[in-house]
Amino acid sequence: MIPPACSDPGDSYRLGMDDWRIGAVDGKGDHATSAAAQIAKGASMISLVAVLNGSVRPVIALVRVPAAPAPAPASPTPAPPVASTPPPAPTIPPPAPSAPATAPASCHPISDEGTCYEPGEYSRDDDHGMSGVAGDGESIVCEDNDGWRWEPA
């Protein structure tokens, strides 16, 4: 039996079988030298194919495919209860403050976030050398102290 082409990619089996056939024809015609050379060549090819075929084992893996879950049976919808009094009105919680806390009117300058500057905070480039008032009422000045910062005046 000749293997399919996919299992004999180099045609080794076919070549080996052709060599054996040629050797048999040569042997029948009493050409022993030629037949022996062909048989030896074919034998090496066939033994290689036999080794390769013997080293390959088919792989079979069972795969379980779960079945789709059955739909839940429909339950009858109970009739709504008859109420003699209307349900209570829902309570509405008070709105949460959405805006950040604004700076007191007494502090200046105001940061880009709308808050008061405090001593030690870095200042904007436009504030270099300016003086102002912190959130606690303390006087502050923008000085170059390892970077431009608001410092107590």
N, C-alpha and C. Protein backbone atom coordinates (compact mmCIF):
# COMPACT_ATOMS: atom_id res chain seq x y z
N MET A 1 0.85 -1.18 0.00
CA MET A 1 0.00 0.00 0.00
C MET A 1 0.89 1.23 0.00
N ILE A 2 0.61 2.18 -0.87
CA ILE A 2 1.38 3.42 -0.97
C ILE A 2 0.73 4.45 -0.06
N PRO A 3 1.57 5.09 0.80
CA PRO A 3 0.99 6.08 1.72
C PRO A 3 0.54 7.31 0.96
N PRO A 4 -0.37 8.08 1.52
CA PRO A 4 -0.79 9.32 0.86
C PRO A 4 0.37 10.31 0.79
N ALA A 5 0.30 11.22 -0.15
CA ALA A 5 1.38 12.18 -0.37
C ALA A 5 1.67 13.02 0.87
N CYS A 6 0.66 13.31 1.69
CA CYS A 6 0.89 14.14 2.87
C CYS A 6 1.75 13.45 3.91
N SER A 7 1.79 12.09 3.91
CA SER A 7 2.63 11.40 4.88
C SER A 7 3.98 11.03 4.28
N ASP A 8 4.22 11.33 3.00
CA ASP A 8 5.50 11.03 2.34
C ASP A 8 5.94 12.28 1.59
N PRO A 9 6.26 13.40 2.35
CA PRO A 9 6.51 14.68 1.69
C PRO A 9 7.69 14.67 0.74
N GLY A 10 8.70 13.85 0.96
CA GLY A 10 9.86 13.85 0.07
C GLY A 10 9.80 12.73 -0.97
N ASP A 11 8.67 12.09 -1.10
CA ASP A 11 8.50 10.96 -2.02
C ASP A 11 9.49 9.84 -1.71
N SER A 12 9.96 9.73 -0.46
CA SER A 12 10.95 8.72 -0.09
C SER A 12 10.40 7.32 -0.29
N TYR A 13 9.18 7.10 0.12
CA TYR A 13 8.60 5.76 0.00
C TYR A 13 8.45 5.38 -1.47
N ARG A 14 7.93 6.31 -2.27
CA ARG A 14 7.76 6.02 -3.69
C ARG A 14 9.10 5.73 -4.36
N LEU A 15 10.13 6.56 -4.04
CA LEU A 15 11.45 6.33 -4.63
C LEU A 15 12.01 4.99 -4.21
N GLY A 16 11.87 4.67 -2.92
CA GLY A 16 12.35 3.38 -2.45
C GLY A 16 11.66 2.23 -3.14
N MET A 17 10.35 2.33 -3.32
CA MET A 17 9.62 1.25 -3.99
C MET A 17 10.02 1.14 -5.46
N ASP A 18 10.26 2.29 -6.10
CA ASP A 18 10.74 2.25 -7.50
C ASP A 18 12.09 1.56 -7.57
N ASP A 19 12.97 1.86 -6.60
CA ASP A 19 14.28 1.21 -6.58
C ASP A 19 14.15 -0.29 -6.39
N TRP A 20 13.27 -0.70 -5.54
CA TRP A 20 13.06 -2.14 -5.33
C TRP A 20 12.53 -2.78 -6.62
N ARG A 21 11.60 -2.11 -7.28
CA ARG A 21 11.06 -2.66 -8.52
C ARG A 21 12.15 -2.80 -9.59
N ILE A 22 12.98 -1.73 -9.72
CA ILE A 22 14.07 -1.78 -10.70
C ILE A 22 15.03 -2.91 -10.35
N GLY A 23 15.33 -3.04 -9.06
CA GLY A 23 16.22 -4.14 -8.64
C GLY A 23 15.63 -5.49 -8.97
N ALA A 24 14.34 -5.64 -8.78
CA ALA A 24 13.71 -6.93 -9.09
C ALA A 24 13.75 -7.20 -10.58
N VAL A 25 13.50 -6.18 -11.41
CA VAL A 25 13.56 -6.37 -12.86
C VAL A 25 14.98 -6.71 -13.29
N ASP A 26 15.96 -5.96 -12.72
CA ASP A 26 17.36 -6.26 -13.05
C ASP A 26 17.74 -7.67 -12.61
N GLY A 27 17.29 -8.08 -11.43
CA GLY A 27 17.60 -9.43 -10.94
C GLY A 27 16.99 -10.49 -11.82
N LYS A 28 15.82 -10.23 -12.32
CA LYS A 28 15.14 -11.19 -13.21
C LYS A 28 15.89 -11.27 -14.53
N GLY A 29 16.47 -10.18 -14.95
CA GLY A 29 17.21 -10.17 -16.21
C GLY A 29 18.67 -10.54 -16.01
N ASP A 30 19.05 -10.99 -14.81
CA ASP A 30 20.40 -11.44 -14.50
C ASP A 30 21.42 -10.31 -14.54
N HIS A 31 21.02 -9.14 -14.10
CA HIS A 31 21.95 -8.02 -13.97
C HIS A 31 22.19 -7.79 -12.47
N ALA A 32 22.88 -8.70 -11.84
CA ALA A 32 23.02 -8.71 -10.38
C ALA A 32 23.72 -7.47 -9.86
N THR A 33 24.72 -6.96 -10.56
CA THR A 33 25.47 -5.80 -10.06
C THR A 33 24.57 -4.57 -10.01
N SER A 34 23.86 -4.33 -11.08
CA SER A 34 22.98 -3.18 -11.12
C SER A 34 21.85 -3.33 -10.11
N ALA A 35 21.29 -4.54 -10.04
CA ALA A 35 20.19 -4.80 -9.12
C ALA A 35 20.63 -4.59 -7.69
N ALA A 36 21.83 -5.04 -7.32
CA ALA A 36 22.31 -4.90 -5.95
C ALA A 36 22.47 -3.43 -5.58
N ALA A 37 22.97 -2.62 -6.51
CA ALA A 37 23.15 -1.20 -6.24
C ALA A 37 21.80 -0.53 -5.99
N GLN A 38 20.80 -0.86 -6.83
CA GLN A 38 19.48 -0.27 -6.69
C GLN A 38 18.80 -0.72 -5.41
N ILE A 39 18.96 -2.00 -5.07
CA ILE A 39 18.31 -2.52 -3.86
C ILE A 39 18.91 -1.84 -2.64
N ALA A 40 20.23 -1.66 -2.60
CA ALA A 40 20.87 -1.02 -1.46
C ALA A 40 20.38 0.42 -1.30
N LYS A 41 20.25 1.14 -2.42
CA LYS A 41 19.77 2.52 -2.36
C LYS A 41 18.32 2.56 -1.86
N GLY A 42 17.50 1.68 -2.41
CA GLY A 42 16.09 1.64 -2.01
C GLY A 42 15.92 1.21 -0.57
N ALA A 43 16.76 0.32 -0.10
CA ALA A 43 16.64 -0.17 1.28
C ALA A 43 16.87 0.96 2.26
N SER A 44 17.84 1.84 1.98
CA SER A 44 18.07 2.94 2.92
C SER A 44 16.89 3.89 2.95
N MET A 45 16.28 4.13 1.80
CA MET A 45 15.12 5.03 1.76
C MET A 45 13.93 4.42 2.48
N ILE A 46 13.69 3.13 2.24
CA ILE A 46 12.53 2.48 2.86
C ILE A 46 12.72 2.40 4.37
N SER A 47 13.97 2.11 4.83
CA SER A 47 14.17 2.04 6.28
C SER A 47 13.95 3.41 6.92
N LEU A 48 14.33 4.49 6.24
CA LEU A 48 14.09 5.83 6.77
C LEU A 48 12.59 6.12 6.88
N VAL A 49 11.85 5.74 5.86
CA VAL A 49 10.41 5.94 5.88
C VAL A 49 9.78 5.11 6.99
N ALA A 50 10.26 3.89 7.17
CA ALA A 50 9.72 3.03 8.22
C ALA A 50 9.98 3.63 9.60
N VAL A 51 11.17 4.17 9.80
CA VAL A 51 11.48 4.79 11.09
C VAL A 51 10.59 6.01 11.32
N LEU A 52 10.45 6.85 10.28
CA LEU A 52 9.61 8.04 10.44
C LEU A 52 8.16 7.67 10.69
N ASN A 53 7.65 6.71 9.94
CA ASN A 53 6.26 6.29 10.13
C ASN A 53 6.05 5.68 11.50
N GLY A 54 7.07 4.96 12.00
CA GLY A 54 6.94 4.34 13.31
C GLY A 54 7.01 5.35 14.45
N SER A 55 7.61 6.52 14.22
CA SER A 55 7.75 7.51 15.29
C SER A 55 6.54 8.43 15.39
N VAL A 56 5.68 8.39 14.41
CA VAL A 56 4.50 9.26 14.43
C VAL A 56 3.32 8.46 14.94
N ARG A 57 2.67 9.00 15.96
CA ARG A 57 1.50 8.34 16.52
C ARG A 57 0.30 9.25 16.32
N PRO A 58 -0.81 8.65 15.99
CA PRO A 58 -2.00 9.50 15.84
C PRO A 58 -2.42 10.07 17.20
N VAL A 59 -2.91 11.28 17.15
CA VAL A 59 -3.37 11.95 18.37
C VAL A 59 -4.89 12.02 18.31
N ILE A 60 -5.49 11.51 19.35
CA ILE A 60 -6.94 11.56 19.44
C ILE A 60 -7.28 12.27 20.74
N ALA A 61 -8.07 13.29 20.64
CA ALA A 61 -8.48 14.02 21.83
C ALA A 61 -9.99 14.15 21.83
N LEU A 62 -10.56 13.80 22.94
CA LEU A 62 -12.00 13.96 23.07
C LEU A 62 -12.29 15.37 23.56
N VAL A 63 -13.20 16.01 22.92
CA VAL A 63 -13.58 17.36 23.29
C VAL A 63 -15.05 17.34 23.65
N ARG A 64 -15.33 17.80 24.85
CA ARG A 64 -16.73 17.87 25.27
C ARG A 64 -17.27 19.25 24.98
N VAL A 65 -18.35 19.28 24.30
CA VAL A 65 -19.01 20.54 23.98
C VAL A 65 -20.26 20.62 24.85
N PRO A 66 -20.31 21.60 25.74
CA PRO A 66 -21.48 21.68 26.61
C PRO A 66 -22.72 22.04 25.80
N ALA A 67 -23.78 21.42 26.18
CA ALA A 67 -25.06 21.72 25.53
C ALA A 67 -25.56 23.06 26.04
N ALA A 68 -26.31 23.73 25.21
CA ALA A 68 -26.89 25.01 25.61
C ALA A 68 -27.88 24.75 26.74
N PRO A 69 -27.88 25.61 27.76
CA PRO A 69 -28.83 25.39 28.86
C PRO A 69 -30.26 25.52 28.38
N ALA A 70 -31.07 24.69 28.96
CA ALA A 70 -32.50 24.72 28.59
C ALA A 70 -33.12 26.00 29.13
N PRO A 71 -34.00 26.60 28.38
CA PRO A 71 -34.64 27.83 28.89
C PRO A 71 -35.49 27.51 30.12
N ALA A 72 -35.50 28.45 31.03
CA ALA A 72 -36.28 28.27 32.26
C ALA A 72 -37.76 28.27 31.91
N PRO A 73 -38.50 27.43 32.58
CA PRO A 73 -39.94 27.41 32.28
C PRO A 73 -40.57 28.74 32.72
N ALA A 74 -41.47 29.19 31.91
CA ALA A 74 -42.15 30.46 32.21
C ALA A 74 -43.07 30.27 33.40
N SER A 75 -42.93 31.15 34.36
CA SER A 75 -43.81 31.06 35.53
C SER A 75 -44.96 32.04 35.33
N PRO A 76 -46.10 31.68 35.79
CA PRO A 76 -47.22 32.62 35.63
C PRO A 76 -46.98 33.87 36.47
N THR A 77 -47.32 35.00 35.91
CA THR A 77 -47.14 36.27 36.60
C THR A 77 -48.33 36.49 37.54
N PRO A 78 -48.00 36.67 38.83
CA PRO A 78 -49.13 36.89 39.76
C PRO A 78 -49.77 38.26 39.53
N ALA A 79 -50.99 38.32 39.79
CA ALA A 79 -51.72 39.58 39.65
C ALA A 79 -51.26 40.54 40.74
N PRO A 80 -51.13 41.83 40.42
CA PRO A 80 -50.70 42.78 41.45
C PRO A 80 -51.74 42.87 42.55
N PRO A 81 -51.23 43.07 43.78
CA PRO A 81 -52.20 43.17 44.89
C PRO A 81 -53.01 44.46 44.78
N VAL A 82 -54.20 44.37 45.25
CA VAL A 82 -55.08 45.54 45.24
C VAL A 82 -54.80 46.34 46.50
N ALA A 83 -54.36 47.58 46.31
CA ALA A 83 -54.00 48.42 47.45
C ALA A 83 -55.17 49.33 47.80
N SER A 84 -55.37 49.44 49.07
CA SER A 84 -56.46 50.33 49.49
C SER A 84 -55.95 51.75 49.73
N THR A 85 -54.64 51.89 49.98
CA THR A 85 -54.06 53.21 50.18
C THR A 85 -52.93 53.40 49.17
N PRO A 86 -52.69 54.60 48.73
CA PRO A 86 -51.61 54.81 47.76
C PRO A 86 -50.25 54.60 48.43
N PRO A 87 -49.25 54.16 47.68
CA PRO A 87 -47.92 53.97 48.27
C PRO A 87 -47.33 55.31 48.67
N PRO A 88 -46.41 55.30 49.66
CA PRO A 88 -45.81 56.58 50.09
C PRO A 88 -44.95 57.16 48.99
N ALA A 89 -44.84 58.46 48.96
CA ALA A 89 -44.03 59.15 47.96
C ALA A 89 -42.55 58.88 48.26
N PRO A 90 -41.74 58.69 47.24
CA PRO A 90 -40.31 58.43 47.49
C PRO A 90 -39.65 59.66 48.08
N THR A 91 -38.69 59.40 48.96
CA THR A 91 -37.95 60.52 49.55
C THR A 91 -36.78 60.86 48.65
N ILE A 92 -36.53 62.10 48.49
CA ILE A 92 -35.45 62.58 47.63
C ILE A 92 -34.34 63.10 48.52
N PRO A 93 -33.13 62.50 48.39
CA PRO A 93 -32.02 62.99 49.24
C PRO A 93 -31.61 64.39 48.82
N PRO A 94 -31.01 65.14 49.73
CA PRO A 94 -30.56 66.49 49.37
C PRO A 94 -29.43 66.39 48.35
N PRO A 95 -29.32 67.34 47.45
CA PRO A 95 -28.27 67.28 46.44
C PRO A 95 -26.88 67.41 47.07
N ALA A 96 -25.95 66.64 46.54
CA ALA A 96 -24.57 66.70 47.02
C ALA A 96 -23.90 67.92 46.41
N PRO A 97 -22.97 68.53 47.14
CA PRO A 97 -22.30 69.69 46.55
C PRO A 97 -21.46 69.23 45.36
N SER A 98 -21.66 69.85 44.21
CA SER A 98 -20.94 69.44 43.01
C SER A 98 -19.74 70.32 42.74
N ALA A 99 -19.75 71.55 43.20
CA ALA A 99 -18.63 72.46 42.96
C ALA A 99 -17.62 72.33 44.09
N PRO A 100 -16.32 72.42 43.78
CA PRO A 100 -15.32 72.37 44.84
C PRO A 100 -15.46 73.58 45.76
N ALA A 101 -14.92 73.42 46.94
CA ALA A 101 -15.00 74.52 47.90
C ALA A 101 -14.27 75.73 47.31
N THR A 102 -14.91 76.85 47.37
CA THR A 102 -14.31 78.07 46.83
C THR A 102 -13.49 78.75 47.90
N ALA A 103 -12.56 79.53 47.46
CA ALA A 103 -11.67 80.24 48.38
C ALA A 103 -12.43 81.36 49.08
N PRO A 104 -12.05 81.61 50.32
CA PRO A 104 -12.68 82.75 51.01
C PRO A 104 -12.35 84.04 50.27
N ALA A 105 -13.20 85.01 50.41
CA ALA A 105 -13.01 86.27 49.70
C ALA A 105 -11.77 87.03 50.19
N SER A 106 -11.25 86.66 51.37
CA SER A 106 -10.13 87.41 51.94
C SER A 106 -8.77 86.97 51.39
N CYS A 107 -8.66 85.79 50.76
CA CYS A 107 -7.35 85.36 50.28
C CYS A 107 -7.13 85.79 48.83
N HIS A 108 -5.86 86.01 48.50
CA HIS A 108 -5.50 86.34 47.12
C HIS A 108 -4.02 86.11 46.95
N PRO A 109 -3.52 85.80 45.82
CA PRO A 109 -4.26 85.45 44.61
C PRO A 109 -4.91 84.07 44.76
N ILE A 110 -5.82 83.77 43.87
CA ILE A 110 -6.54 82.49 43.87
C ILE A 110 -5.84 81.55 42.88
N SER A 111 -5.69 80.26 43.24
CA SER A 111 -5.06 79.29 42.36
C SER A 111 -5.96 78.99 41.16
N ASP A 112 -5.41 78.32 40.17
CA ASP A 112 -6.20 77.94 38.99
C ASP A 112 -7.35 77.01 39.36
N GLU A 113 -7.22 76.30 40.49
CA GLU A 113 -8.29 75.40 40.95
C GLU A 113 -9.36 76.14 41.73
N GLY A 114 -9.14 77.44 42.00
CA GLY A 114 -10.12 78.24 42.73
C GLY A 114 -9.92 78.19 44.23
N THR A 115 -8.75 77.77 44.71
CA THR A 115 -8.48 77.69 46.14
C THR A 115 -7.44 78.71 46.55
N CYS A 116 -7.29 78.91 47.88
CA CYS A 116 -6.29 79.82 48.40
C CYS A 116 -4.92 79.15 48.36
N TYR A 117 -3.89 79.93 48.10
CA TYR A 117 -2.53 79.41 48.21
C TYR A 117 -2.16 79.33 49.68
N GLU A 118 -1.30 78.39 50.03
CA GLU A 118 -0.79 78.24 51.38
C GLU A 118 0.73 78.32 51.33
N PRO A 119 1.39 78.70 52.43
CA PRO A 119 2.85 78.76 52.44
C PRO A 119 3.45 77.39 52.07
N GLY A 120 4.50 77.43 51.21
CA GLY A 120 5.17 76.21 50.77
C GLY A 120 4.71 75.70 49.42
N GLU A 121 3.55 76.16 48.95
CA GLU A 121 3.05 75.71 47.64
C GLU A 121 3.80 76.42 46.52
N TYR A 122 4.00 75.70 45.42
CA TYR A 122 4.62 76.32 44.25
C TYR A 122 3.66 77.36 43.67
N SER A 123 4.24 78.39 43.08
CA SER A 123 3.42 79.46 42.50
C SER A 123 3.49 79.42 40.98
N ARG A 124 2.55 80.10 40.34
CA ARG A 124 2.54 80.21 38.89
C ARG A 124 3.63 81.17 38.45
N ASP A 125 4.03 81.07 37.18
CA ASP A 125 5.06 81.98 36.64
C ASP A 125 4.61 83.44 36.75
N ASP A 126 3.33 83.70 36.53
CA ASP A 126 2.83 85.08 36.58
C ASP A 126 2.88 85.67 37.98
N ASP A 127 3.00 84.83 39.04
CA ASP A 127 2.95 85.31 40.42
C ASP A 127 4.34 85.60 41.00
N HIS A 128 5.44 85.37 40.26
CA HIS A 128 6.78 85.56 40.79
C HIS A 128 6.95 86.99 41.32
N GLY A 129 7.38 87.09 42.60
CA GLY A 129 7.62 88.39 43.22
C GLY A 129 6.39 89.04 43.82
N MET A 130 5.22 88.47 43.62
CA MET A 130 3.98 89.08 44.14
C MET A 130 3.82 88.75 45.62
N SER A 131 2.99 89.50 46.30
CA SER A 131 2.61 89.20 47.67
C SER A 131 1.11 88.96 47.70
N GLY A 132 0.65 88.26 48.75
CA GLY A 132 -0.77 87.95 48.83
C GLY A 132 -1.15 87.57 50.24
N VAL A 133 -2.33 86.95 50.38
CA VAL A 133 -2.84 86.53 51.68
C VAL A 133 -3.27 85.08 51.55
N ALA A 134 -2.80 84.21 52.47
CA ALA A 134 -3.16 82.79 52.47
C ALA A 134 -4.56 82.61 53.01
N GLY A 135 -5.07 81.38 52.96
CA GLY A 135 -6.43 81.09 53.41
C GLY A 135 -6.65 81.38 54.88
N ASP A 136 -5.60 81.29 55.70
CA ASP A 136 -5.75 81.56 57.14
C ASP A 136 -5.52 83.02 57.49
N GLY A 137 -5.36 83.88 56.45
CA GLY A 137 -5.17 85.31 56.67
C GLY A 137 -3.71 85.71 56.80
N GLU A 138 -2.78 84.75 56.74
CA GLU A 138 -1.36 85.04 56.86
C GLU A 138 -0.85 85.68 55.58
N SER A 139 0.03 86.67 55.70
CA SER A 139 0.62 87.32 54.52
C SER A 139 1.66 86.38 53.92
N ILE A 140 1.64 86.26 52.57
CA ILE A 140 2.57 85.40 51.87
C ILE A 140 3.20 86.17 50.72
N VAL A 141 4.40 85.71 50.30
CA VAL A 141 5.09 86.34 49.18
C VAL A 141 5.67 85.22 48.31
N CYS A 142 5.66 85.42 47.00
CA CYS A 142 6.18 84.43 46.06
C CYS A 142 7.67 84.69 45.90
N GLU A 143 8.51 83.76 46.46
CA GLU A 143 9.96 83.91 46.43
C GLU A 143 10.60 82.68 45.79
N ASP A 144 11.84 82.88 45.27
CA ASP A 144 12.59 81.77 44.70
C ASP A 144 13.32 81.06 45.83
N ASN A 145 12.73 80.02 46.37
CA ASN A 145 13.30 79.24 47.47
C ASN A 145 13.30 77.78 47.02
N ASP A 146 14.38 77.37 46.29
CA ASP A 146 14.43 76.03 45.69
C ASP A 146 13.23 75.85 44.78
N GLY A 147 12.98 76.84 43.96
CA GLY A 147 11.80 76.90 43.10
C GLY A 147 10.90 78.00 43.60
N TRP A 148 10.08 78.58 42.73
CA TRP A 148 9.21 79.69 43.12
C TRP A 148 8.06 79.16 43.95
N ARG A 149 8.01 79.61 45.23
CA ARG A 149 6.99 79.14 46.18
C ARG A 149 6.41 80.32 46.94
N TRP A 150 5.22 80.04 47.50
CA TRP A 150 4.61 81.02 48.39
C TRP A 150 5.20 80.79 49.78
N GLU A 151 5.81 81.82 50.35
CA GLU A 151 6.46 81.74 51.67
C GLU A 151 5.82 82.78 52.60
N PRO A 152 5.88 82.52 53.92
CA PRO A 152 5.38 83.54 54.86
C PRO A 152 6.13 84.85 54.67
N ALA A 153 5.42 85.94 54.72
CA ALA A 153 6.04 87.25 54.50
C ALA A 153 6.66 87.76 55.78
